[in-house]
Protein backbone atom coordinates (compact mmCIF):
# COMPACT_ATOMS: atom_id res chain seq x y z
CA MET A 1 -36.27 -28.94 45.33
CA HIS A 2 -37.82 -28.47 42.35
CA ARG A 3 -37.88 -24.75 42.65
CA MET A 4 -34.87 -24.32 43.10
CA ILE A 5 -33.87 -26.14 40.00
CA ARG A 6 -36.18 -23.69 38.41
CA ILE A 7 -34.23 -20.54 39.47
CA LEU A 8 -30.92 -22.37 38.34
CA ASP A 9 -32.88 -22.86 34.85
CA ASP A 10 -33.47 -19.48 34.76
CA LEU A 11 -30.52 -17.93 35.92
CA ILE A 12 -28.48 -19.87 32.87
CA ASP A 13 -30.74 -18.92 30.40
CA ARG A 14 -30.29 -15.46 31.16
CA ILE A 15 -26.81 -16.06 30.94
CA LEU A 16 -26.92 -17.82 28.34
CA ALA A 17 -29.06 -15.26 26.44
CA VAL A 18 -26.28 -12.50 28.29
CA PHE A 19 -23.51 -14.16 26.41
CA LEU A 20 -24.99 -14.10 22.56
CA VAL A 21 -26.30 -10.43 22.55
CA LEU A 22 -22.87 -9.67 23.91
CA LEU A 23 -21.27 -12.39 20.67
CA LEU A 24 -23.51 -10.49 18.68
CA LEU A 25 -22.68 -7.25 19.57
CA LEU A 26 -19.24 -8.49 19.36
CA GLY A 27 -19.51 -9.72 15.77
CA VAL A 28 -20.69 -5.94 14.57
CA TYR A 29 -18.46 -4.43 16.27
CA PHE A 30 -15.39 -6.22 14.11
CA VAL A 31 -17.86 -5.96 10.82
CA TYR A 32 -17.46 -2.27 11.76
CA ASP A 33 -14.24 -2.25 12.03
CA THR A 34 -13.33 -3.78 9.17
CA VAL A 35 -15.68 -1.38 6.80
CA CYS A 36 -13.75 1.30 8.71
CA VAL A 37 -9.86 0.30 7.94
CA TYR A 38 -10.96 -0.47 4.59
CA CYS A 39 -12.90 2.70 3.94
CA ASN A 40 -9.29 4.69 5.60
CA ALA A 41 -7.85 2.13 2.28
CA SER A 42 -9.76 3.52 -0.33
CA ALA A 43 -8.06 5.73 -2.73
CA ASP A 44 -11.00 7.61 -2.87
CA ARG A 45 -10.86 9.28 0.78
CA VAL A 46 -7.56 11.13 -0.68
CA SER A 47 -8.80 11.23 -4.63
CA VAL A 48 -9.44 14.97 -3.94
CA TYR A 49 -5.68 15.84 -2.85
CA LYS A 50 -4.29 14.60 -6.04
CA PRO A 51 -2.48 17.48 -8.34
CA GLY A 52 -4.27 18.64 -10.73
CA SER A 53 -7.94 17.67 -8.71
CA GLY A 54 -8.93 21.41 -8.38
CA GLU A 55 -10.13 22.52 -5.39
CA GLY A 56 -8.87 19.39 -3.06
CA GLU A 57 -5.86 20.18 -3.92
CA GLN A 58 -5.68 23.37 -1.98
CA ILE A 59 -6.24 21.36 1.03
CA PRO A 60 -2.66 19.72 2.52
CA LEU A 61 -2.03 16.26 3.87
CA SER A 62 0.20 16.00 6.34
CA ASP A 63 4.28 17.66 5.58
CA ASP A 64 4.98 14.78 5.17
CA TYR A 65 3.93 14.05 1.41
CA VAL A 66 6.08 13.76 -1.20
CA ALA A 67 4.99 11.85 -4.25
CA TRP A 68 1.45 10.82 -5.75
CA LEU A 69 1.47 7.05 -7.79
CA THR A 70 -1.32 6.24 -10.53
CA ILE A 71 -1.43 3.54 -11.90
CA ASP A 72 -3.18 3.75 -14.81
CA ASP A 73 -6.46 1.61 -15.20
CA THR A 74 -5.92 -0.06 -11.02
CA LYS A 75 -7.09 0.95 -7.65
CA ILE A 76 -3.32 2.28 -6.96
CA ASP A 77 -4.04 5.66 -7.08
CA TYR A 78 -1.85 7.33 -3.82
CA PRO A 79 -0.36 9.76 -2.04
CA ILE A 80 3.29 8.52 -0.61
CA MET A 81 4.12 9.96 2.33
CA GLN A 82 7.74 9.34 4.08
CA GLY A 83 8.31 10.48 7.95
CA GLU A 84 12.11 10.12 9.71
CA THR A 85 11.91 6.27 10.46
CA ASN A 86 10.04 3.44 8.02
CA SER A 87 7.71 2.40 11.14
CA LYS A 88 6.10 6.25 11.39
CA TYR A 89 3.25 5.61 8.03
CA LEU A 90 2.85 1.88 9.24
CA ASN A 91 -0.62 2.88 10.80
CA THR A 92 -0.68 6.92 10.29
CA ASP A 93 -2.73 7.71 7.43
CA PRO A 94 -1.48 10.09 4.77
CA TYR A 95 -3.34 12.94 7.02
CA GLY A 96 -1.54 12.05 10.15
CA GLU A 97 -3.50 10.12 12.12
CA TYR A 98 -3.81 6.82 13.29
CA SER A 99 -4.82 4.10 11.02
CA LEU A 100 -4.57 0.63 10.76
CA SER A 101 -4.67 0.81 7.38
CA GLY A 102 -1.45 3.23 7.23
CA SER A 103 -0.13 5.07 4.28
CA ILE A 104 1.73 3.84 1.03
CA PHE A 105 5.51 5.31 1.80
CA LEU A 106 8.61 6.32 1.21
CA ASP A 107 12.11 4.76 2.33
CA SER A 108 13.22 6.97 4.65
CA ARG A 109 17.14 6.54 3.64
CA ASN A 110 15.75 7.29 0.28
CA ALA A 111 15.51 11.20 -0.91
CA GLY A 112 11.82 12.53 -0.96
CA ASP A 113 12.01 13.96 -4.23
CA PHE A 114 12.79 10.66 -5.89
CA SER A 115 16.35 10.98 -7.57
CA ASP A 116 17.96 7.99 -6.16
CA SER A 117 18.31 5.82 -8.70
CA TYR A 118 16.87 4.07 -6.84
CA SER A 119 13.85 3.96 -4.28
CA LEU A 120 11.63 2.12 -2.39
CA VAL A 121 8.16 2.15 -1.61
CA TYR A 122 5.76 0.16 0.66
CA GLY A 123 2.19 -0.11 1.49
CA HIS A 124 -0.38 -2.76 3.25
CA HIS A 125 -1.31 -6.09 1.93
CA MET A 126 -5.36 -5.84 2.19
CA ALA A 127 -7.78 -7.69 0.51
CA ASP A 128 -10.06 -6.56 -2.99
CA GLY A 129 -7.25 -4.40 -4.66
CA VAL A 130 -6.65 -2.07 -1.94
CA MET A 131 -3.54 -0.30 -1.32
CA PHE A 132 -0.76 -2.58 -2.38
CA GLY A 133 -2.65 -5.66 -2.53
CA ALA A 134 -3.50 -4.87 -6.40
CA LEU A 135 0.16 -5.55 -7.05
CA ASP A 136 -1.07 -9.75 -7.21
CA ALA A 137 -2.31 -8.91 -9.90
CA PHE A 138 0.78 -7.99 -12.03
CA PHE A 139 1.50 -12.19 -11.54
CA ASP A 140 -0.62 -12.38 -14.53
CA GLU A 141 1.20 -11.70 -17.90
CA ARG A 142 -1.97 -10.44 -19.43
CA TYR A 143 -2.41 -7.88 -16.97
CA PHE A 144 1.13 -6.83 -16.29
CA ASP A 145 1.28 -5.97 -20.56
CA ALA A 146 -2.18 -3.96 -20.38
CA HIS A 147 -1.38 -2.65 -16.63
CA CYS A 148 2.24 -1.98 -17.06
CA THR A 149 1.85 2.80 -17.38
CA GLY A 150 1.33 4.95 -14.94
CA THR A 151 2.37 8.28 -13.28
CA LEU A 152 4.43 9.26 -10.34
CA THR A 153 4.29 13.05 -9.27
CA VAL A 154 6.57 14.83 -7.52
CA GLY A 155 6.53 18.38 -7.30
CA GLU A 156 5.86 20.16 -10.46
CA THR A 157 7.18 17.37 -12.36
CA VAL A 158 5.32 14.40 -13.77
CA TYR A 159 7.43 11.68 -14.13
CA GLN A 160 6.13 8.88 -16.79
CA ILE A 161 6.49 4.94 -14.86
CA ARG A 162 6.61 1.82 -16.71
CA ILE A 163 6.33 -1.86 -14.26
CA PHE A 164 8.82 -3.95 -15.83
CA ALA A 165 9.05 -6.95 -13.02
CA ALA A 166 7.59 -8.82 -10.42
CA LEU A 167 8.78 -11.12 -8.16
CA ARG A 168 8.77 -12.70 -5.15
CA THR A 169 11.22 -12.05 -2.59
CA ASP A 170 11.80 -12.81 1.43
CA ALA A 171 12.69 -9.23 3.21
CA GLU A 172 16.21 -9.76 4.29
CA VAL A 173 16.88 -9.93 0.22
CA LYS A 174 19.47 -6.44 0.63
CA ALA A 175 19.67 -6.00 -3.21
CA ILE A 176 15.85 -4.87 -3.01
CA PHE A 177 15.57 -3.90 0.82
CA THR A 178 18.71 -1.42 0.68
CA PRO A 179 18.49 1.35 -1.30
CA ASN A 180 22.23 1.71 -2.06
CA GLY A 181 21.33 1.96 -6.21
CA SER A 182 19.62 0.29 -9.07
CA GLU A 183 22.71 -2.31 -10.61
CA PRO A 184 21.48 -4.84 -7.98
CA VAL A 185 17.98 -4.48 -8.08
CA ILE A 186 17.95 -4.64 -11.83
CA LYS A 187 20.63 -8.23 -11.51
CA LEU A 188 18.48 -9.76 -9.45
CA ALA A 189 15.36 -9.00 -11.37
CA GLU A 190 16.87 -11.02 -14.53
CA THR A 191 16.75 -13.92 -12.73
CA GLU A 192 14.43 -13.61 -9.98
CA SER A 193 11.30 -12.65 -11.34
CA ALA A 194 8.66 -14.35 -12.44
CA ILE A 195 7.62 -11.53 -15.24
CA TYR A 196 10.38 -9.72 -16.84
CA ARG A 197 10.48 -6.80 -19.82
CA MET A 198 13.39 -4.84 -20.26
CA PRO A 199 13.43 -1.28 -18.37
CA GLY A 200 14.09 1.11 -20.51
CA ASN A 201 16.26 2.76 -18.29
CA ASP A 202 18.01 2.62 -14.78
CA HIS A 203 15.78 5.12 -12.89
CA ILE A 204 14.25 2.20 -10.69
CA VAL A 205 11.51 2.54 -7.60
CA ALA A 206 9.88 -1.10 -6.17
CA LEU A 207 7.36 -1.21 -5.11
CA SER A 208 6.53 -3.68 -1.95
CA THR A 209 4.07 -5.25 0.10
CA CYS A 210 4.00 -8.42 1.99
CA LYS A 211 2.38 -11.70 1.01
CA ASP A 212 1.14 -13.67 3.57
CA PRO A 213 0.91 -11.35 7.85
CA GLY A 214 3.78 -11.74 10.11
CA GLY A 215 5.78 -14.05 7.05
CA THR A 216 8.80 -12.31 6.07
CA GLU A 217 7.70 -13.31 1.72
CA ARG A 218 7.17 -9.84 0.28
CA THR A 219 5.81 -8.85 -3.56
CA VAL A 220 7.71 -6.30 -6.04
CA VAL A 221 6.72 -4.93 -8.56
CA LEU A 222 9.40 -3.10 -10.10
CA LEU A 223 9.35 0.32 -12.63
CA THR A 224 11.72 2.41 -14.54
CA LEU A 225 11.06 6.36 -14.23
CA THR A 226 11.28 8.61 -17.50
CA GLU A 227 12.23 12.10 -15.94
CA GLY A 228 11.16 15.07 -17.39
CA VAL A 229 8.30 14.13 -19.75
CA ALA A 230 6.09 16.57 -18.18
CA GLU A 231 5.65 20.43 -16.01
CA ARG A 232 2.63 20.71 -14.81
CA GLN A 233 0.88 24.03 -15.87
């Protein structure tokens, strides 16, 4: 009887040891997977392709690349992609490969050359200011005013951008999420924005990200494009 109990105790100990090892391996995998997701989402991974960066510029991203967005002194320094549908680049990186972090992408209903009076750009909300996780900082007024400039490069044209509003809204709000012109967007921004500055013109781009996973609340930052400011040499 005692021998049987010892055998059972030994068996239980072995099962527990295997279980703990499996838990440890699972934890290591999740940490590794999280690191990989954030590494894939980092702007450093694609910076070699930034227009004007030199040698790396000769190596193309996916054919769906349409523009490059840079907001001065922030981590937002990414290519903008555009797929046939808005689902394509949710989990596809700028190289056309599967990635949980996806890409920054232009609404499929918009003109790829940003000639529309209102263009809508999406990106995942990620920690540490990666991708469009950086949009949260624009709800601090001092930060907003210190980081409201940048560039949008479309082909050979470099547009100057100026951020003029930051707001939280719902994904069902048509004025924001149906790109049908800039007038309804500006009207909504005037009344709903947490921070609002008068836009310099009516050529508007919205940067949108989810506030919470699975929710319908969206964080939106609005900016204007000033056309024809500079031509790349």
